Amino acid sequence: MGKVAGIDNSTAGTTVVVCDSDTGEVLRQGYAPHQVPDGEKPTEIDPQAWLLSLGEAAKGGVLEGVQAIGISGQQHGLLALDAGGVTVRPALLRGDKRAQVQAADLTQELGGAAAWAEAVGAQPQAAYPVAKLRWLAQHEPATAKRIAEVLLPHDWLVWQLLGQPARRTTDRGDASGTGYWSAAAGEYRKDLVELALGHQVALPEVLSPAEPAGQTPEGLLISAGTGDNMAAALGLGLGPGDAVVSLGAAGTVFAVHHEALKDPTATVTAFADATGRHLPVVQVRNAVRTLRGTAELLGTDLPGLSELALQSTPGAYGLVLLPYLEGERTPDLPHTAGTLAGLRRDSMKREHLARAAFEGMLCGLADALDVLRNKGVEVRRVFLLGAAAELPAVQALAPALFGTLVVVPPAAEYAAIGAARQAAWSLGAVLGSQSQTEPPHWPQPAFRLLDPADGAPADDAGHPGGTGGPGGNGGGGTAVGSAVRQQYIAVREHTHPGAFASL
């Protein structure tokens, strides 16, 4: 039995897990928050804070006996270095939205969303490094002129652990979120870096999935590392046919696919994964914020809203909520507002509005899943992530509305576990005991499976396990779920005709 470690550098802190390299069993783990000075901007950080939190998280012999380490890093962060390898300013984090204007300008300068989709599979967003570079060029020109090299957070941490060698590396998953690397072509678009910054910079070498970045001075193998979403997919054991619906204030839908999708509308973002495959992503602006807003309106909290919703029936007595409270990205309706349709005297009850909120949120996410399906992406299972995935109403309604088996994983540090799995892969590839093309097989944990036929829990093989979903009035099965979707689609098409016509 060998030991491997995964390190996840999130926006809040550092998590370390140590796993059995053969089985994936978590043997030890640690966590420490990033210590930032009072008043420091939440969108920026001195990257030395990452090393300090890593040291704290690994205290007490957490890494003792480890043979290899993998690193998961927050996507879309930017570290700008001078010719001597010294950071010229604090790191810009993915939550930095100051570059919205710059992202829009870059989109137009290349010829629109379709041109960017063709070039790198993604339209620039404020969080992307390519937009951050343009922001630096316009707002910190003296600093921008000093930039000779650009790294992502996981790249920088790998480089630090290796003792700052001359060679800098990244992986295809994290590189695909920069706005200047194409997952389809497998290469950088250096002209887009120059378009954004005004001059060329050095970019890290993109490693293949099992290729190690190197060894530490103490002899520890360091794998290529990857972005946190890619690491989480690896930690969950996702493969072709698996999709993820991540429930935050906004929602993210992605799936494992065999090729990079080219979508001229740029609704689908063509990310790569950490295994050599691809992770096409569709985003919606309104997910749990829809539930929170409705809960506040009804004077309750999310568990209370869930309980109310399950007192209603499928279709919420004809109430339909289009959950476009902050405008919407999918479909592209940035300046619209939400819509509540179907109000009648007998539908004007708290439980029906609660039900409409859950159905509206989940139908909006089902629309995003359909965008992927319509592009040829197979979806056999949907993994629900986020705290809201534990709400009984979500678990009762999602299978029928998504039209497929729903998986609710137990709480775990999946990004760190995925980084550890990558470390085991690199170690096995170097030792000759592991394929270069497929990661090691680690048994999946006991996921909760919900069958779309009746909303009931299923066993670990995906077979239906009962006749009633969580709560009294569940999803009602696939036929009822389809009817609820059609009710939602009819209102959406009447209110926003043709919004999905080009998707």
Protein backbone atom coordinates (compact mmCIF):
# COMPACT_ATOMS: atom_id res chain seq x y z
CA MET A 1 0.00 0.00 0.00
CA GLY A 2 1.39 3.38 -1.02
CA LYS A 3 0.27 6.82 0.04
CA VAL A 4 -0.48 9.83 -2.16
CA ALA A 5 -1.65 13.30 -1.24
CA GLY A 6 -4.00 15.78 -2.83
CA ILE A 7 -3.82 19.50 -2.08
CA ASP A 8 -6.76 21.74 -2.92
CA ASN A 9 -6.04 25.47 -2.90
CA SER A 10 -9.45 27.14 -2.75
CA THR A 11 -10.28 30.83 -2.41
CA ALA A 12 -10.74 30.34 1.36
CA GLY A 13 -8.01 27.94 2.40
CA THR A 14 -5.95 24.82 1.76
CA THR A 15 -7.18 21.25 2.18
CA VAL A 16 -4.80 18.29 2.27
CA VAL A 17 -5.96 14.68 1.98
CA VAL A 18 -3.78 11.58 2.08
CA CYS A 19 -5.15 8.54 0.27
CA ASP A 20 -4.25 4.91 -0.20
CA SER A 21 -2.83 4.85 -3.73
CA ASP A 22 -4.58 1.54 -4.55
CA THR A 23 -8.06 2.07 -3.11
CA GLY A 24 -8.44 5.82 -2.72
CA GLU A 25 -9.35 5.47 0.95
CA VAL A 26 -8.80 8.76 2.76
CA LEU A 27 -6.30 8.05 5.52
CA ARG A 28 -5.61 11.54 6.87
CA GLN A 29 -6.56 15.11 6.11
CA GLY A 30 -5.97 18.65 7.26
CA TYR A 31 -7.24 22.14 6.55
CA ALA A 32 -6.11 25.70 7.21
CA PRO A 33 -7.60 29.02 6.06
CA HIS A 34 -5.58 31.57 4.15
CA GLN A 35 -4.44 34.30 6.51
CA VAL A 36 -4.92 37.67 4.82
CA PRO A 37 -4.27 41.10 6.34
CA ASP A 38 -7.25 43.15 7.42
CA GLY A 39 -8.42 45.34 4.59
CA GLU A 40 -6.87 43.21 1.83
CA LYS A 41 -9.13 42.99 -1.21
CA PRO A 42 -11.09 39.70 -1.37
CA THR A 43 -10.32 39.54 -5.10
CA GLU A 44 -6.55 39.61 -4.57
CA ILE A 45 -4.06 37.76 -2.38
CA ASP A 46 -0.34 37.53 -1.77
CA PRO A 47 0.33 33.96 -2.98
CA GLN A 48 2.72 33.43 -0.06
CA ALA A 49 -0.48 33.05 2.00
CA TRP A 50 -1.14 29.84 0.06
CA LEU A 51 2.20 28.38 1.16
CA LEU A 52 1.57 29.38 4.77
CA SER A 53 -1.87 27.75 4.83
CA LEU A 54 -0.43 24.65 3.16
CA GLY A 55 2.16 24.42 5.93
CA GLU A 56 -0.56 24.74 8.57
CA ALA A 57 -2.81 22.16 6.88
CA ALA A 58 0.05 19.66 6.69
CA LYS A 59 1.09 20.00 10.34
CA GLY A 60 1.25 16.98 12.63
CA GLY A 61 2.75 14.61 10.08
CA VAL A 62 -0.18 14.68 7.67
CA LEU A 63 2.17 14.13 4.71
CA GLU A 64 4.32 11.49 6.40
CA GLY A 65 5.04 8.54 4.12
CA VAL A 66 3.58 10.18 1.02
CA GLN A 67 5.20 9.23 -2.30
CA ALA A 68 3.46 11.66 -4.65
CA ILE A 69 1.43 14.86 -4.48
CA GLY A 70 -1.18 16.36 -6.77
CA ILE A 71 -2.48 19.93 -6.63
CA SER A 72 -5.93 21.29 -7.38
CA GLY A 73 -6.10 25.05 -7.76
CA GLN A 74 -8.90 27.59 -8.03
CA GLN A 75 -9.60 28.14 -11.71
CA HIS A 76 -9.17 31.47 -13.51
CA GLY A 77 -6.71 33.00 -11.03
CA LEU A 78 -3.76 34.93 -12.44
CA LEU A 79 -0.18 35.28 -11.23
CA ALA A 80 1.91 37.76 -13.21
CA LEU A 81 5.69 37.36 -12.90
CA ASP A 82 8.62 39.48 -14.03
CA ALA A 83 11.66 38.21 -15.91
CA GLY A 84 13.18 36.99 -12.65
CA GLY A 85 10.15 34.92 -11.66
CA VAL A 86 8.96 37.38 -9.00
CA THR A 87 5.28 38.27 -8.82
CA VAL A 88 4.73 41.87 -9.89
CA ARG A 89 1.55 42.27 -7.84
CA PRO A 90 -0.82 40.17 -5.70
CA ALA A 91 -2.58 37.31 -7.45
CA LEU A 92 -5.93 38.12 -9.04
CA LEU A 93 -8.56 35.58 -7.98
CA ARG A 94 -11.42 34.12 -10.00
CA GLY A 95 -14.00 36.13 -8.08
CA ASP A 96 -12.54 39.38 -9.44
CA LYS A 97 -15.21 40.84 -11.73
CA ARG A 98 -13.50 44.15 -12.50
CA ALA A 99 -12.69 43.07 -16.04
CA GLN A 100 -16.27 42.93 -17.34
CA VAL A 101 -15.74 45.84 -19.72
CA GLN A 102 -12.43 44.40 -20.87
CA ALA A 103 -14.03 41.00 -21.54
CA ALA A 104 -16.68 42.67 -23.69
CA ASP A 105 -14.06 44.71 -25.54
CA LEU A 106 -11.96 41.62 -26.28
CA THR A 107 -15.03 39.79 -27.54
CA GLN A 108 -15.72 42.52 -30.08
CA GLU A 109 -12.09 43.01 -31.12
CA LEU A 110 -11.76 39.42 -32.29
CA GLY A 111 -15.08 39.49 -34.12
CA GLY A 112 -17.67 38.38 -31.57
CA ALA A 113 -18.58 35.28 -29.59
CA ALA A 114 -18.39 32.97 -32.60
CA ALA A 115 -14.80 34.00 -33.34
CA TRP A 116 -13.75 33.29 -29.75
CA ALA A 117 -15.61 29.97 -29.74
CA GLU A 118 -13.71 28.98 -32.87
CA ALA A 119 -10.38 30.15 -31.43
CA VAL A 120 -10.46 28.78 -27.87
CA GLY A 121 -13.94 27.36 -27.27
CA ALA A 122 -15.00 30.15 -24.92
CA GLN A 123 -16.09 33.77 -24.97
CA PRO A 124 -14.05 35.96 -22.58
CA GLN A 125 -15.59 36.42 -19.14
CA ALA A 126 -14.50 38.87 -16.46
CA ALA A 127 -12.98 36.03 -14.41
CA TYR A 128 -10.79 34.68 -17.22
CA PRO A 129 -7.05 35.44 -17.18
CA VAL A 130 -7.23 36.86 -20.71
CA ALA A 131 -9.63 39.57 -19.50
CA LYS A 132 -7.55 40.17 -16.37
CA LEU A 133 -4.51 40.81 -18.56
CA ARG A 134 -6.40 43.46 -20.50
CA TRP A 135 -7.54 45.05 -17.22
CA LEU A 136 -3.94 45.22 -16.01
CA ALA A 137 -2.82 46.74 -19.30
CA GLN A 138 -5.42 49.51 -18.97
CA HIS A 139 -5.45 50.14 -15.21
CA GLU A 140 -1.89 49.26 -14.14
CA PRO A 141 0.17 49.91 -17.28
CA ALA A 142 3.51 50.21 -15.51
CA THR A 143 2.95 46.87 -13.81
CA ALA A 144 1.68 45.30 -17.01
CA LYS A 145 4.87 46.22 -18.87
CA ARG A 146 6.89 44.25 -16.31
CA ILE A 147 4.95 41.04 -16.89
CA ALA A 148 7.20 38.46 -18.54
CA GLU A 149 5.39 35.29 -17.52
CA VAL A 150 1.88 34.23 -16.49
CA LEU A 151 0.90 31.30 -14.27
CA LEU A 152 -2.31 29.94 -12.78
CA PRO A 153 -2.61 29.26 -9.02
CA HIS A 154 -2.00 25.52 -9.32
CA ASP A 155 0.93 26.15 -11.71
CA TRP A 156 2.57 28.47 -9.18
CA LEU A 157 2.13 26.02 -6.30
CA VAL A 158 3.61 23.15 -8.31
CA TRP A 159 6.56 25.38 -9.21
CA GLN A 160 7.07 26.29 -5.54
CA LEU A 161 6.99 22.67 -4.36
CA LEU A 162 9.52 21.73 -7.01
CA GLY A 163 11.94 24.40 -5.78
CA GLN A 164 11.27 26.97 -8.52
CA PRO A 165 12.95 25.15 -11.43
CA ALA A 166 13.49 26.77 -14.81
CA ARG A 167 10.67 24.66 -16.27
CA ARG A 168 7.11 25.88 -15.58
CA THR A 169 4.17 23.57 -16.23
CA THR A 170 0.38 23.39 -16.25
CA ASP A 171 -2.24 20.90 -17.42
CA ARG A 172 -4.81 20.99 -20.19
CA GLY A 173 -7.78 21.24 -17.80
CA ASP A 174 -6.68 24.42 -16.05
CA ALA A 175 -5.20 25.86 -19.26
CA SER A 176 -8.59 25.57 -20.96
CA GLY A 177 -9.99 28.17 -18.56
CA THR A 178 -7.53 30.91 -19.48
CA GLY A 179 -9.12 32.23 -22.66
CA TYR A 180 -5.87 31.73 -24.59
CA TRP A 181 -5.53 27.91 -24.83
CA SER A 182 -7.69 25.82 -27.12
CA ALA A 183 -8.93 22.44 -25.88
CA ALA A 184 -9.84 21.50 -29.46
CA ALA A 185 -6.43 22.29 -30.93
CA GLY A 186 -4.44 21.48 -27.79
CA GLU A 187 -2.34 24.62 -28.11
CA TYR A 188 -1.95 28.19 -26.95
CA ARG A 189 -3.23 31.15 -28.91
CA LYS A 190 -0.37 33.48 -28.05
CA ASP A 191 -1.82 36.13 -30.33
CA LEU A 192 -4.74 36.46 -27.88
CA VAL A 193 -2.32 37.08 -25.00
CA GLU A 194 -0.74 39.86 -27.04
CA LEU A 195 -4.18 41.21 -27.96
CA ALA A 196 -5.03 41.43 -24.27
CA LEU A 197 -1.74 42.59 -22.75
CA GLY A 198 0.01 44.32 -25.61
CA HIS A 199 3.08 42.07 -25.62
CA GLN A 200 4.06 38.41 -25.50
CA VAL A 201 4.81 36.54 -22.27
CA ALA A 202 6.16 33.12 -21.37
CA LEU A 203 3.45 30.50 -20.77
CA PRO A 204 3.81 27.19 -18.90
CA GLU A 205 4.29 23.90 -20.72
CA VAL A 206 1.04 21.93 -20.92
CA LEU A 207 1.58 18.39 -19.61
CA SER A 208 -0.39 15.29 -20.56
CA PRO A 209 -2.70 13.92 -17.82
CA ALA A 210 -0.37 11.27 -16.37
CA GLU A 211 2.86 13.19 -16.97
CA PRO A 212 4.55 14.35 -13.75
CA ALA A 213 5.74 17.90 -13.35
CA GLY A 214 8.86 16.70 -11.57
CA GLN A 215 10.26 15.78 -8.17
CA THR A 216 10.78 17.90 -5.09
CA PRO A 217 14.28 18.31 -3.67
CA GLU A 218 13.26 15.60 -1.17
CA GLY A 219 12.27 13.17 -3.93
CA LEU A 220 8.47 13.47 -3.83
CA LEU A 221 6.79 13.10 -7.20
CA ILE A 222 4.57 16.05 -8.16
CA SER A 223 1.88 15.39 -10.76
CA ALA A 224 0.68 17.89 -13.35
CA GLY A 225 -2.11 19.25 -11.12
CA THR A 226 -5.29 20.75 -12.51
CA GLY A 227 -8.14 23.20 -11.92
CA ASP A 228 -10.55 22.57 -9.06
CA ASN A 229 -13.56 21.64 -11.23
CA MET A 230 -11.45 19.17 -13.19
CA ALA A 231 -10.03 17.73 -9.97
CA ALA A 232 -13.52 17.36 -8.50
CA ALA A 233 -14.64 15.46 -11.61
CA LEU A 234 -11.64 13.14 -11.19
CA GLY A 235 -12.38 12.74 -7.47
CA LEU A 236 -16.01 11.85 -8.19
CA GLY A 237 -14.92 9.26 -10.74
CA LEU A 238 -16.90 10.83 -13.57
CA GLY A 239 -16.79 9.25 -17.00
CA PRO A 240 -18.64 9.43 -20.32
CA GLY A 241 -22.38 9.61 -19.70
CA ASP A 242 -21.95 11.50 -16.42
CA ALA A 243 -23.02 15.12 -15.95
CA VAL A 244 -22.81 17.43 -12.95
CA VAL A 245 -25.31 20.04 -11.83
CA SER A 246 -23.65 22.29 -9.25
CA LEU A 247 -26.11 24.30 -7.17
CA GLY A 248 -24.72 27.60 -6.00
CA ALA A 249 -26.38 31.01 -6.14
CA ALA A 250 -25.84 30.52 -9.86
CA GLY A 251 -25.73 27.08 -11.45
CA THR A 252 -23.09 25.21 -13.41
CA VAL A 253 -23.80 22.20 -15.62
CA PHE A 254 -21.02 20.15 -17.19
CA ALA A 255 -20.45 16.66 -18.55
CA VAL A 256 -17.66 14.35 -19.60
CA HIS A 257 -17.39 14.15 -23.39
CA HIS A 258 -15.00 12.64 -25.91
CA GLU A 259 -14.35 15.82 -27.91
CA ALA A 260 -14.27 19.59 -27.57
CA LEU A 261 -17.57 21.16 -28.57
CA LYS A 262 -17.58 24.18 -30.85
CA ASP A 263 -20.63 26.32 -30.16
CA PRO A 264 -20.79 29.53 -32.22
CA THR A 265 -23.13 31.08 -29.65
CA ALA A 266 -20.52 30.44 -26.90
CA THR A 267 -23.30 29.15 -24.64
CA VAL A 268 -21.20 26.00 -24.21
CA THR A 269 -17.69 26.56 -22.91
CA ALA A 270 -15.23 23.96 -24.18
CA PHE A 271 -13.12 23.11 -21.14
CA ALA A 272 -10.80 20.10 -21.04
CA ASP A 273 -10.77 17.64 -18.15
CA ALA A 274 -7.89 16.03 -16.25
CA THR A 275 -8.02 12.66 -18.06
CA GLY A 276 -7.57 13.59 -21.72
CA ARG A 277 -11.29 14.03 -22.32
CA HIS A 278 -13.40 17.19 -22.28
CA LEU A 279 -15.77 19.00 -19.92
CA PRO A 280 -18.28 21.09 -21.89
CA VAL A 281 -19.85 23.59 -19.48
CA VAL A 282 -23.14 25.52 -19.52
CA GLN A 283 -23.84 28.17 -16.90
CA VAL A 284 -27.07 29.67 -15.60
CA ARG A 285 -27.20 32.80 -13.48
CA ASN A 286 -30.09 31.73 -11.28
CA ALA A 287 -30.13 28.63 -9.13
CA VAL A 288 -30.24 28.74 -5.33
CA ARG A 289 -30.74 32.52 -5.41
CA THR A 290 -34.20 31.69 -6.77
CA LEU A 291 -34.93 29.55 -3.71
CA ARG A 292 -33.50 32.08 -1.26
CA GLY A 293 -35.52 34.92 -2.76
CA THR A 294 -38.71 32.90 -2.58
CA ALA A 295 -37.97 31.78 0.98
CA GLU A 296 -37.48 35.40 2.07
CA LEU A 297 -40.73 36.39 0.38
CA LEU A 298 -42.58 33.62 2.24
CA GLY A 299 -40.89 34.33 5.56
CA THR A 300 -39.05 31.00 5.85
CA ASP A 301 -35.66 29.41 5.17
CA LEU A 302 -34.55 26.83 2.60
CA PRO A 303 -35.59 23.76 4.65
CA GLY A 304 -38.93 25.45 5.30
CA LEU A 305 -39.36 26.24 1.62
CA SER A 306 -38.60 22.61 0.77
CA GLU A 307 -41.23 21.41 3.24
CA LEU A 308 -43.80 23.80 1.78
CA ALA A 309 -43.03 22.71 -1.79
CA LEU A 310 -43.69 19.07 -0.95
CA GLN A 311 -47.16 20.03 0.33
CA SER A 312 -48.05 21.11 -3.22
CA THR A 313 -48.41 18.85 -6.26
CA PRO A 314 -46.49 18.57 -9.56
CA GLY A 315 -47.10 21.64 -11.68
CA ALA A 316 -47.81 23.82 -8.61
CA TYR A 317 -51.50 24.25 -9.54
CA GLY A 318 -50.44 25.90 -12.80
CA LEU A 319 -47.93 28.34 -11.28
CA VAL A 320 -44.76 28.71 -13.36
CA LEU A 321 -41.74 30.72 -12.26
CA LEU A 322 -39.17 31.67 -14.89
CA PRO A 323 -36.24 32.15 -12.51
CA TYR A 324 -34.40 34.87 -14.45
CA LEU A 325 -33.99 37.10 -11.40
CA GLU A 326 -30.52 38.36 -12.37
CA GLY A 327 -31.05 38.21 -16.09
CA GLU A 328 -29.94 34.93 -17.63
CA ARG A 329 -26.99 33.45 -19.49
CA THR A 330 -28.75 30.30 -20.75
CA PRO A 331 -30.77 31.42 -22.64
CA ASP A 332 -28.98 34.67 -23.42
CA LEU A 333 -31.29 37.18 -21.73
CA PRO A 334 -28.90 39.38 -19.75
CA HIS A 335 -31.33 42.24 -19.13
CA THR A 336 -34.57 40.37 -18.46
CA ALA A 337 -36.30 39.67 -15.13
CA GLY A 338 -38.11 36.73 -13.62
CA THR A 339 -41.72 35.93 -14.50
CA LEU A 340 -44.49 34.38 -12.41
CA ALA A 341 -47.29 33.04 -14.60
CA GLY A 342 -50.49 31.10 -13.98
CA LEU A 343 -51.83 33.00 -10.99
CA ARG A 344 -55.38 31.99 -10.14
CA ARG A 345 -57.29 32.23 -6.93
CA ASP A 346 -56.77 28.55 -6.09
CA SER A 347 -53.03 28.71 -6.88
CA MET A 348 -52.33 31.72 -4.65
CA LYS A 349 -50.99 29.69 -1.74
CA ARG A 350 -47.56 29.59 -0.11
CA GLU A 351 -46.96 25.93 -0.91
CA HIS A 352 -47.68 26.40 -4.62
CA LEU A 353 -45.27 29.33 -4.91
CA ALA A 354 -42.65 27.29 -3.07
CA ARG A 355 -43.19 24.42 -5.49
CA ALA A 356 -42.99 26.76 -8.48
CA ALA A 357 -39.63 28.06 -7.21
CA PHE A 358 -38.12 24.56 -7.06
CA GLU A 359 -39.64 23.54 -10.39
CA GLY A 360 -38.51 26.79 -12.02
CA MET A 361 -34.93 26.44 -10.79
CA LEU A 362 -34.70 22.79 -11.82
CA CYS A 363 -36.37 23.38 -15.20
CA GLY A 364 -33.86 26.16 -15.88
CA LEU A 365 -31.04 23.70 -15.12
CA ALA A 366 -32.77 21.05 -17.25
CA ASP A 367 -32.71 23.58 -20.11
CA ALA A 368 -28.94 23.79 -19.66
CA LEU A 369 -28.65 19.99 -19.68
CA ASP A 370 -30.68 19.92 -22.91
CA VAL A 371 -28.20 22.31 -24.51
CA LEU A 372 -25.49 19.69 -23.93
CA ARG A 373 -27.74 16.84 -25.05
CA ASN A 374 -28.60 18.70 -28.25
CA LYS A 375 -24.87 18.98 -28.99
CA GLY A 376 -24.52 15.19 -28.83
CA VAL A 377 -23.39 14.85 -25.21
CA GLU A 378 -24.65 11.64 -23.59
CA VAL A 379 -26.22 12.11 -20.16
CA ARG A 380 -27.04 8.87 -18.30
CA ARG A 381 -26.50 10.16 -14.75
CA VAL A 382 -26.60 13.61 -13.19
CA PHE A 383 -24.53 14.28 -10.08
CA LEU A 384 -26.06 16.95 -7.83
CA LEU A 385 -23.50 19.03 -5.95
CA GLY A 386 -23.88 21.85 -3.44
CA ALA A 387 -25.60 22.19 -0.08
CA ALA A 388 -29.01 22.65 -1.74
CA ALA A 389 -28.71 19.15 -3.22
CA GLU A 390 -29.58 17.83 0.25
CA LEU A 391 -32.98 19.56 0.29
CA PRO A 392 -35.77 16.94 0.12
CA ALA A 393 -37.66 18.92 -2.53
CA VAL A 394 -34.61 19.02 -4.80
CA GLN A 395 -34.10 15.28 -4.44
CA ALA A 396 -37.81 14.58 -4.99
CA LEU A 397 -38.21 16.72 -8.11
CA ALA A 398 -34.84 16.56 -9.90
CA PRO A 399 -34.92 13.00 -11.31
CA ALA A 400 -38.23 13.42 -13.15
CA LEU A 401 -37.44 16.95 -14.38
CA PHE A 402 -33.94 15.98 -15.55
CA GLY A 403 -35.27 12.73 -17.03
CA THR A 404 -32.38 10.62 -15.80
CA LEU A 405 -30.84 8.94 -12.79
CA VAL A 406 -29.72 11.49 -10.18
CA VAL A 407 -26.72 10.88 -7.94
CA VAL A 408 -26.27 12.72 -4.63
CA PRO A 409 -22.68 12.12 -3.44
CA PRO A 410 -21.83 12.21 0.26
CA ALA A 411 -19.99 15.29 1.47
CA ALA A 412 -16.24 14.94 0.79
CA GLU A 413 -13.24 16.94 -0.39
CA TYR A 414 -13.60 15.80 -4.00
CA ALA A 415 -11.17 18.33 -5.50
CA ALA A 416 -8.42 17.25 -3.10
CA ILE A 417 -9.30 13.57 -3.63
CA GLY A 418 -9.11 14.10 -7.40
CA ALA A 419 -5.69 15.69 -7.02
CA ALA A 420 -4.57 12.66 -4.98
CA ARG A 421 -5.95 10.31 -7.66
CA GLN A 422 -3.94 12.19 -10.28
CA ALA A 423 -0.83 11.81 -8.08
CA ALA A 424 -1.44 8.05 -7.87
CA TRP A 425 -1.84 7.97 -11.66
CA SER A 426 1.47 9.76 -12.26
CA LEU A 427 3.25 7.61 -9.71
CA GLY A 428 1.90 4.41 -11.24
CA ALA A 429 2.79 5.57 -14.76
CA VAL A 430 6.37 6.33 -13.71
CA LEU A 431 6.69 2.96 -11.93
CA GLY A 432 5.14 1.12 -14.88
CA SER A 433 2.21 -0.23 -12.86
CA GLN A 434 -0.45 2.09 -14.26
CA SER A 435 -1.76 2.86 -17.75
CA GLN A 436 -0.76 6.20 -19.25
CA THR A 437 -4.23 6.63 -20.73
CA GLU A 438 -6.62 5.86 -17.84
CA PRO A 439 -6.46 6.92 -14.18
CA PRO A 440 -6.39 4.25 -11.44
CA HIS A 441 -9.73 2.73 -10.56
CA TRP A 442 -10.80 3.89 -7.12
CA PRO A 443 -14.13 2.50 -5.86
CA GLN A 444 -16.81 5.18 -5.65
CA PRO A 445 -18.35 5.95 -2.26
CA ALA A 446 -21.92 4.94 -1.43
CA PHE A 447 -23.74 7.55 -3.48
CA ARG A 448 -27.46 8.16 -2.96
CA LEU A 449 -29.18 7.29 -6.25
CA LEU A 450 -32.61 8.60 -7.19
CA ASP A 451 -34.52 6.95 -10.02
CA PRO A 452 -36.52 9.13 -12.44
CA ALA A 453 -39.27 6.55 -12.85
CA ASP A 454 -40.84 7.44 -9.52
CA GLY A 455 -38.47 9.75 -7.67
CA ALA A 456 -37.61 6.88 -5.32
CA PRO A 457 -34.18 6.09 -3.95
CA ALA A 458 -32.34 3.46 -5.94
CA ASP A 459 -29.74 0.93 -4.87
CA ASP A 460 -26.04 1.30 -5.63
CA ALA A 461 -26.53 -0.31 -9.04
CA GLY A 462 -29.17 2.25 -9.98
CA HIS A 463 -32.19 -0.03 -9.58
CA PRO A 464 -35.36 1.57 -8.17
CA GLY A 465 -35.65 1.08 -4.46
CA GLY A 466 -39.21 2.07 -3.58
CA THR A 467 -42.41 3.78 -4.56
CA GLY A 468 -42.17 7.19 -3.01
CA GLY A 469 -39.64 10.00 -3.29
CA PRO A 470 -38.32 12.03 -0.35
CA GLY A 471 -41.37 13.81 1.01
CA GLY A 472 -45.04 13.34 0.21
CA ASN A 473 -45.61 14.89 -3.24
CA GLY A 474 -42.45 14.06 -5.14
CA GLY A 475 -41.54 14.31 -8.80
CA GLY A 476 -44.36 12.00 -9.86
CA GLY A 477 -42.33 9.92 -12.34
CA THR A 478 -41.07 10.61 -15.83
CA ALA A 479 -44.47 11.26 -17.46
CA VAL A 480 -45.43 13.82 -14.83
CA GLY A 481 -41.95 15.35 -14.96
CA SER A 482 -42.27 15.72 -18.72
CA ALA A 483 -45.63 17.45 -18.30
CA VAL A 484 -44.16 19.91 -15.80
CA ARG A 485 -41.31 20.64 -18.20
CA GLN A 486 -43.76 21.26 -21.04
CA GLN A 487 -45.76 23.65 -18.86
CA TYR A 488 -42.55 25.53 -18.08
CA ILE A 489 -41.39 25.56 -21.71
CA ALA A 490 -44.77 26.88 -22.89
CA VAL A 491 -44.50 29.86 -20.54
CA ARG A 492 -40.86 30.43 -21.45
CA GLU A 493 -41.58 30.40 -25.18
CA HIS A 494 -44.59 32.70 -24.77
CA THR A 495 -42.57 35.16 -22.67
CA HIS A 496 -39.27 34.92 -24.55
CA PRO A 497 -40.11 33.48 -28.01
CA GLY A 498 -37.17 31.93 -29.81
CA ALA A 499 -34.74 32.32 -26.90
CA PHE A 500 -33.46 28.78 -27.43
CA ALA A 501 -33.82 28.75 -31.21
CA SER A 502 -30.08 28.98 -31.90
CA LEU A 503 -28.92 26.69 -29.07
